[in-house]
Amino acid sequence: MKKFTKMFILTVLSLVLLAGCSSGKTTNGNAENSKGNGKSSVSALEKIKDKGVLVVASSNDVPFAYIDKDTKKFAGIDAEIITEIAKRLGISKVEMKEVKFENLLLELNNNRVDMVTDGMYIKPERQKIANFTNIWYTEGEALVVLKASTIKGLDDLKDKIVGGQKGTAFLEFAQKLQKEGKIKDVKVFNSQSELLLAVNTKKVDACITDSAVAGYSITNDKSLNLKLVSPYKAEAAGNIGAAVRKSDNDLLEAVNRELDKLKEEGFVLEVLKKYGLNEDNFVPAGK
């Protein structure tokens, strides 16, 4: 009997010890899970800083964000702005991933890139699936004329022949003005280069086209004796910004903070002018 009692006590003690060990393992497991959760809660900005590279998506779109054919470097309006922002955030490298324009936000939300920076208009339907930064700049149609032209705005086109590029919203805008009697005639051209050449050779008195693309072309092609009419308020303008994931609020706030500083310091306006744009495209800090 004593032997049985002794064995019973030993069995109970063993069970208690086993329970204690089991409890300890569970606690350690929870601690490990807690650490794992801690790692997953690291902010987007911290992850990018640790990686040392900010990956942005673009459709390789000139003059917004593209790989320069000669230098092989990331260039363009949006490229220069985001590169400077990254630098100020302590991120030494910005890498561009080429993506079709219609898939840019999809690539972002699939976590394959950190941001989208490609001359993208901030639109309500896009804001439903991504967060956008403050406005980088505004961009729309431009009125392009010879440097010596006396045309100062749309009101001067009633007796003029104006060019437009086939398949663009800017051609539709010009044709709309023609129907309203504000333009004498509209001629259609197949490409941007043909359109600008037509103005340069006086085949048309002016053209209505994309301001950023026209500004870049005029700046880089010295054979074009053209200018963008300024001041000019675009009637089909859109506000451009960069997109981030809905969950990446820390990245969004950091980018906006540095963007405002760049605007106040004059950096953004300098970049706009470098690519052929001007004060008409500039948006002050805080907007």
Protein backbone atom coordinates (compact mmCIF):
# COMPACT_ATOMS: atom_id res chain seq x y z
CA MET A 1 0.00 0.00 0.00
CA LYS A 2 2.80 2.36 0.97
CA LYS A 3 4.54 1.43 -2.23
CA PHE A 4 1.37 2.28 -4.20
CA THR A 5 0.99 5.61 -2.38
CA LYS A 6 4.60 6.47 -3.05
CA MET A 7 4.19 5.66 -6.76
CA PHE A 8 0.99 7.70 -6.93
CA ILE A 9 2.72 10.74 -5.42
CA LEU A 10 5.61 10.41 -7.86
CA THR A 11 3.17 10.17 -10.80
CA VAL A 12 1.36 13.34 -9.71
CA LEU A 13 4.65 15.20 -9.27
CA SER A 14 5.71 14.12 -12.79
CA LEU A 15 2.46 15.38 -14.26
CA VAL A 16 2.88 18.72 -12.49
CA LEU A 17 6.43 19.05 -13.83
CA LEU A 18 5.32 18.16 -17.34
CA ALA A 19 2.52 20.69 -17.16
CA GLY A 20 5.03 23.31 -16.07
CA CYS A 21 7.34 22.50 -18.94
CA SER A 22 4.46 22.54 -21.40
CA SER A 23 3.34 25.91 -20.06
CA GLY A 24 6.85 27.28 -20.49
CA LYS A 25 7.02 26.14 -24.08
CA THR A 26 3.69 27.78 -24.86
CA THR A 27 4.89 31.03 -23.32
CA ASN A 28 8.06 30.94 -25.38
CA GLY A 29 6.02 30.21 -28.49
CA ASN A 30 3.83 33.22 -27.81
CA ALA A 31 6.89 35.35 -27.27
CA GLU A 32 8.28 34.24 -30.61
CA ASN A 33 4.96 34.98 -32.30
CA SER A 34 4.94 38.35 -30.61
CA LYS A 35 8.38 39.06 -31.98
CA GLY A 36 7.21 37.95 -35.40
CA ASN A 37 4.28 40.33 -35.20
CA GLY A 38 6.67 43.06 -34.16
CA LYS A 39 8.67 42.49 -37.29
CA SER A 40 5.60 42.66 -39.50
CA SER A 41 4.62 45.99 -37.94
CA VAL A 42 7.79 47.70 -39.18
CA SER A 43 6.69 50.71 -41.22
CA ALA A 44 6.99 50.89 -45.01
CA LEU A 45 9.47 53.75 -44.78
CA GLU A 46 11.69 51.84 -42.34
CA LYS A 47 11.68 48.79 -44.62
CA ILE A 48 12.74 50.93 -47.59
CA LYS A 49 15.48 52.60 -45.55
CA ASP A 50 16.78 49.22 -44.39
CA LYS A 51 16.78 48.00 -48.00
CA GLY A 52 18.47 51.21 -49.17
CA VAL A 53 16.43 51.29 -52.39
CA LEU A 54 13.12 52.95 -53.26
CA VAL A 55 11.49 51.05 -56.14
CA VAL A 56 9.11 53.13 -58.23
CA ALA A 57 6.92 52.12 -61.16
CA SER A 58 6.75 54.04 -64.43
CA SER A 59 5.76 53.28 -68.01
CA ASN A 60 9.13 54.75 -69.09
CA ASP A 61 7.26 57.87 -70.09
CA VAL A 62 9.16 60.92 -71.43
CA PRO A 63 9.38 63.56 -69.96
CA PHE A 64 7.90 62.32 -66.70
CA ALA A 65 9.89 59.27 -65.56
CA TYR A 66 12.10 57.30 -67.93
CA ILE A 67 15.51 55.72 -68.45
CA ASP A 68 17.65 58.09 -70.50
CA LYS A 69 18.91 56.28 -73.62
CA ASP A 70 22.33 57.95 -73.48
CA THR A 71 23.13 58.03 -69.77
CA LYS A 72 21.05 54.97 -68.79
CA LYS A 73 19.99 56.95 -65.72
CA PHE A 74 16.54 57.53 -64.26
CA ALA A 75 15.43 60.91 -65.63
CA GLY A 76 12.38 63.14 -66.02
CA ILE A 77 10.26 65.57 -64.01
CA ASP A 78 8.85 63.00 -61.59
CA ALA A 79 12.16 61.14 -61.51
CA GLU A 80 14.15 64.17 -60.34
CA ILE A 81 11.58 65.09 -57.71
CA ILE A 82 11.34 61.60 -56.19
CA THR A 83 15.11 61.08 -56.32
CA GLU A 84 15.70 64.26 -54.32
CA ILE A 85 12.94 63.34 -51.85
CA ALA A 86 14.47 59.88 -51.37
CA LYS A 87 17.90 61.40 -50.82
CA ARG A 88 16.53 63.67 -48.09
CA LEU A 89 14.82 60.71 -46.45
CA GLY A 90 18.13 58.88 -46.26
CA ILE A 91 17.47 56.52 -49.18
CA SER A 92 20.51 56.48 -51.43
CA LYS A 93 19.03 54.79 -54.51
CA VAL A 94 15.84 55.04 -56.55
CA GLU A 95 15.19 52.20 -58.96
CA MET A 96 12.60 52.35 -61.76
CA LYS A 97 10.55 49.32 -62.74
CA GLU A 98 8.95 49.64 -66.17
CA VAL A 99 5.25 48.76 -66.12
CA LYS A 100 2.44 49.40 -68.61
CA PHE A 101 0.59 52.55 -67.56
CA GLU A 102 -2.73 50.75 -67.07
CA ASN A 103 -1.06 48.29 -64.67
CA LEU A 104 0.85 50.76 -62.50
CA LEU A 105 -1.53 50.78 -59.53
CA LEU A 106 -2.00 47.02 -59.78
CA GLU A 107 1.75 46.54 -59.51
CA LEU A 108 1.77 48.85 -56.49
CA ASN A 109 -0.98 46.97 -54.65
CA ASN A 110 0.68 43.65 -55.43
CA ASN A 111 3.66 44.91 -53.39
CA ARG A 112 6.06 44.71 -56.34
CA VAL A 113 6.99 48.41 -56.10
CA ASP A 114 7.00 51.03 -53.35
CA MET A 115 5.46 53.95 -55.27
CA VAL A 116 4.09 55.01 -58.65
CA THR A 117 5.73 58.13 -60.11
CA ASP A 118 4.76 58.62 -63.76
CA GLY A 119 2.91 61.88 -64.46
CA MET A 120 -0.27 60.31 -63.08
CA TYR A 121 -3.36 62.49 -62.69
CA ILE A 122 -4.97 62.37 -59.26
CA LYS A 123 -8.49 61.12 -60.00
CA PRO A 124 -11.31 59.96 -57.67
CA GLU A 125 -11.39 56.46 -59.18
CA ARG A 126 -7.66 56.08 -58.57
CA GLN A 127 -7.91 57.43 -55.03
CA LYS A 128 -10.24 54.54 -54.21
CA ILE A 129 -7.43 52.03 -54.63
CA ALA A 130 -4.34 54.05 -53.64
CA ASN A 131 -3.34 57.11 -51.66
CA PHE A 132 -1.87 60.06 -53.50
CA THR A 133 0.68 62.58 -52.32
CA ASN A 134 0.11 66.30 -52.35
CA ILE A 135 0.05 67.74 -55.87
CA TRP A 136 3.51 67.72 -57.47
CA TYR A 137 2.48 70.02 -60.33
CA THR A 138 -0.41 70.63 -62.71
CA GLU A 139 -0.30 69.69 -66.36
CA GLY A 140 -2.68 69.96 -69.29
CA GLU A 141 -2.85 71.39 -72.76
CA ALA A 142 -0.49 74.07 -74.03
CA LEU A 143 -0.83 76.60 -76.81
CA VAL A 144 2.36 76.41 -78.91
CA VAL A 145 3.35 79.19 -81.32
CA LEU A 146 6.41 80.61 -83.06
CA LYS A 147 8.64 82.66 -80.75
CA ALA A 148 7.82 85.83 -82.72
CA SER A 149 4.06 85.17 -82.74
CA THR A 150 1.65 87.79 -81.39
CA ILE A 151 -0.81 85.11 -80.24
CA LYS A 152 -1.26 85.48 -76.49
CA GLY A 153 -4.16 83.15 -75.79
CA LEU A 154 -7.21 81.28 -77.07
CA ASP A 155 -9.01 84.56 -77.79
CA ASP A 156 -6.50 85.28 -80.57
CA LEU A 157 -7.36 82.15 -82.59
CA LYS A 158 -10.61 83.23 -84.28
CA ASP A 159 -8.89 83.80 -87.63
CA LYS A 160 -6.11 81.23 -87.16
CA ILE A 161 -5.42 77.68 -88.34
CA VAL A 162 -4.58 75.42 -85.41
CA GLY A 163 -3.02 71.94 -85.41
CA GLY A 164 -3.86 68.94 -83.23
CA GLN A 165 -2.55 65.39 -82.88
CA LYS A 166 -4.76 62.52 -83.99
CA GLY A 167 -6.28 60.45 -81.19
CA THR A 168 -5.61 62.92 -78.37
CA ALA A 169 -7.94 64.77 -76.03
CA PHE A 170 -6.15 67.95 -77.09
CA LEU A 171 -7.33 67.54 -80.69
CA GLU A 172 -10.89 67.08 -79.41
CA PHE A 173 -10.50 70.28 -77.40
CA ALA A 174 -9.31 72.19 -80.47
CA GLN A 175 -12.21 70.84 -82.55
CA LYS A 176 -14.63 71.86 -79.81
CA LEU A 177 -13.26 75.42 -79.95
CA GLN A 178 -13.68 75.37 -83.74
CA LYS A 179 -17.35 74.41 -83.43
CA GLU A 180 -17.81 77.28 -81.00
CA GLY A 181 -16.34 79.68 -83.55
CA LYS A 182 -13.22 80.36 -81.51
CA ILE A 183 -10.85 78.81 -84.11
CA LYS A 184 -11.00 79.29 -87.88
CA ASP A 185 -9.84 75.78 -88.81
CA VAL A 186 -8.19 72.70 -87.29
CA LYS A 187 -5.66 70.52 -89.12
CA VAL A 188 -4.90 66.98 -87.91
CA PHE A 189 -1.39 65.49 -87.68
CA ASN A 190 -0.34 61.91 -86.95
CA SER A 191 2.39 62.59 -84.40
CA GLN A 192 3.71 65.14 -81.95
CA SER A 193 6.82 65.73 -84.06
CA GLU A 194 4.74 66.40 -87.20
CA LEU A 195 2.53 68.75 -85.22
CA LEU A 196 5.38 70.86 -83.86
CA LEU A 197 7.11 70.89 -87.25
CA ALA A 198 3.90 72.24 -88.81
CA VAL A 199 3.96 75.21 -86.44
CA ASN A 200 7.69 75.67 -86.98
CA THR A 201 7.26 75.78 -90.79
CA LYS A 202 4.14 78.00 -90.62
CA LYS A 203 1.78 75.37 -92.02
CA VAL A 204 -0.43 76.23 -89.04
CA ASP A 205 -0.47 79.32 -86.84
CA ALA A 206 -0.44 77.39 -83.57
CA CYS A 207 -1.10 73.99 -82.07
CA ILE A 208 -2.83 72.73 -78.96
CA THR A 209 -1.05 69.78 -77.39
CA ASP A 210 0.29 68.22 -74.19
CA SER A 211 2.22 70.91 -72.31
CA ALA A 212 4.86 68.65 -70.74
CA VAL A 213 5.66 66.76 -73.94
CA ALA A 214 5.72 69.96 -76.03
CA GLY A 215 7.84 71.80 -73.48
CA TYR A 216 10.35 68.97 -73.36
CA SER A 217 10.54 68.74 -77.17
CA ILE A 218 11.06 72.49 -77.59
CA THR A 219 13.74 72.55 -74.89
CA ASN A 220 15.70 69.65 -76.37
CA ASP A 221 15.28 70.28 -80.10
CA LYS A 222 17.14 73.50 -80.95
CA SER A 223 15.77 73.46 -84.51
CA LEU A 224 12.32 74.33 -83.16
CA ASN A 225 11.80 78.10 -83.03
CA LEU A 226 8.78 77.69 -80.78
CA LYS A 227 7.45 78.66 -77.36
CA LEU A 228 4.60 77.81 -75.02
CA VAL A 229 2.23 80.76 -74.65
CA SER A 230 2.54 82.01 -71.07
CA PRO A 231 0.78 82.95 -68.92
CA TYR A 232 -1.80 80.38 -69.97
CA LYS A 233 -4.42 78.63 -67.85
CA ALA A 234 -5.08 75.15 -69.18
CA GLU A 235 -8.77 74.30 -69.53
CA ALA A 236 -8.13 70.54 -69.62
CA ALA A 237 -5.56 70.45 -66.82
CA GLY A 238 -4.98 67.67 -64.31
CA ASN A 239 -3.12 67.56 -60.99
CA ILE A 240 -0.19 65.17 -60.90
CA GLY A 241 1.02 63.29 -57.83
CA ALA A 242 2.68 60.04 -56.76
CA ALA A 243 0.74 57.02 -55.52
CA VAL A 244 1.42 54.84 -52.47
CA ARG A 245 -0.43 51.92 -50.92
CA LYS A 246 -3.37 52.72 -48.65
CA SER A 247 -1.51 51.18 -45.70
CA ASP A 248 1.74 53.15 -46.16
CA ASN A 249 0.76 56.33 -44.30
CA ASP A 250 4.24 56.89 -42.87
CA LEU A 251 5.75 56.91 -46.36
CA LEU A 252 3.02 59.24 -47.61
CA GLU A 253 3.55 61.74 -44.78
CA ALA A 254 7.34 61.69 -45.17
CA VAL A 255 7.15 62.28 -48.93
CA ASN A 256 4.65 65.14 -48.51
CA ARG A 257 6.84 66.78 -45.89
CA GLU A 258 9.92 66.75 -48.12
CA LEU A 259 7.88 67.74 -51.19
CA ASP A 260 6.69 70.91 -49.46
CA LYS A 261 10.27 71.80 -48.56
CA LEU A 262 11.38 71.30 -52.18
CA LYS A 263 8.60 73.60 -53.37
CA GLU A 264 9.49 76.30 -50.85
CA GLU A 265 13.17 76.09 -51.77
CA GLY A 266 12.41 76.50 -55.50
CA PHE A 267 13.67 73.02 -56.44
CA VAL A 268 10.39 71.83 -58.01
CA LEU A 269 10.01 74.96 -60.16
CA GLU A 270 13.61 74.58 -61.36
CA VAL A 271 12.88 70.99 -62.44
CA LEU A 272 9.69 72.07 -64.25
CA LYS A 273 11.61 74.75 -66.16
CA LYS A 274 14.40 72.30 -66.99
CA TYR A 275 11.86 70.16 -68.85
CA GLY A 276 10.18 73.07 -70.64
CA LEU A 277 7.35 73.89 -68.21
CA ASN A 278 6.94 77.09 -66.20
CA GLU A 279 5.12 78.91 -63.37
CA ASP A 280 1.76 77.97 -64.90
CA ASN A 281 2.45 74.35 -63.90
CA PHE A 282 3.67 75.10 -60.38
CA VAL A 283 1.52 74.31 -57.33
CA PRO A 284 2.52 75.90 -53.96
CA ALA A 285 3.41 73.89 -50.87
CA GLY A 286 0.61 72.41 -48.79
CA LYS A 287 -1.72 71.59 -51.69
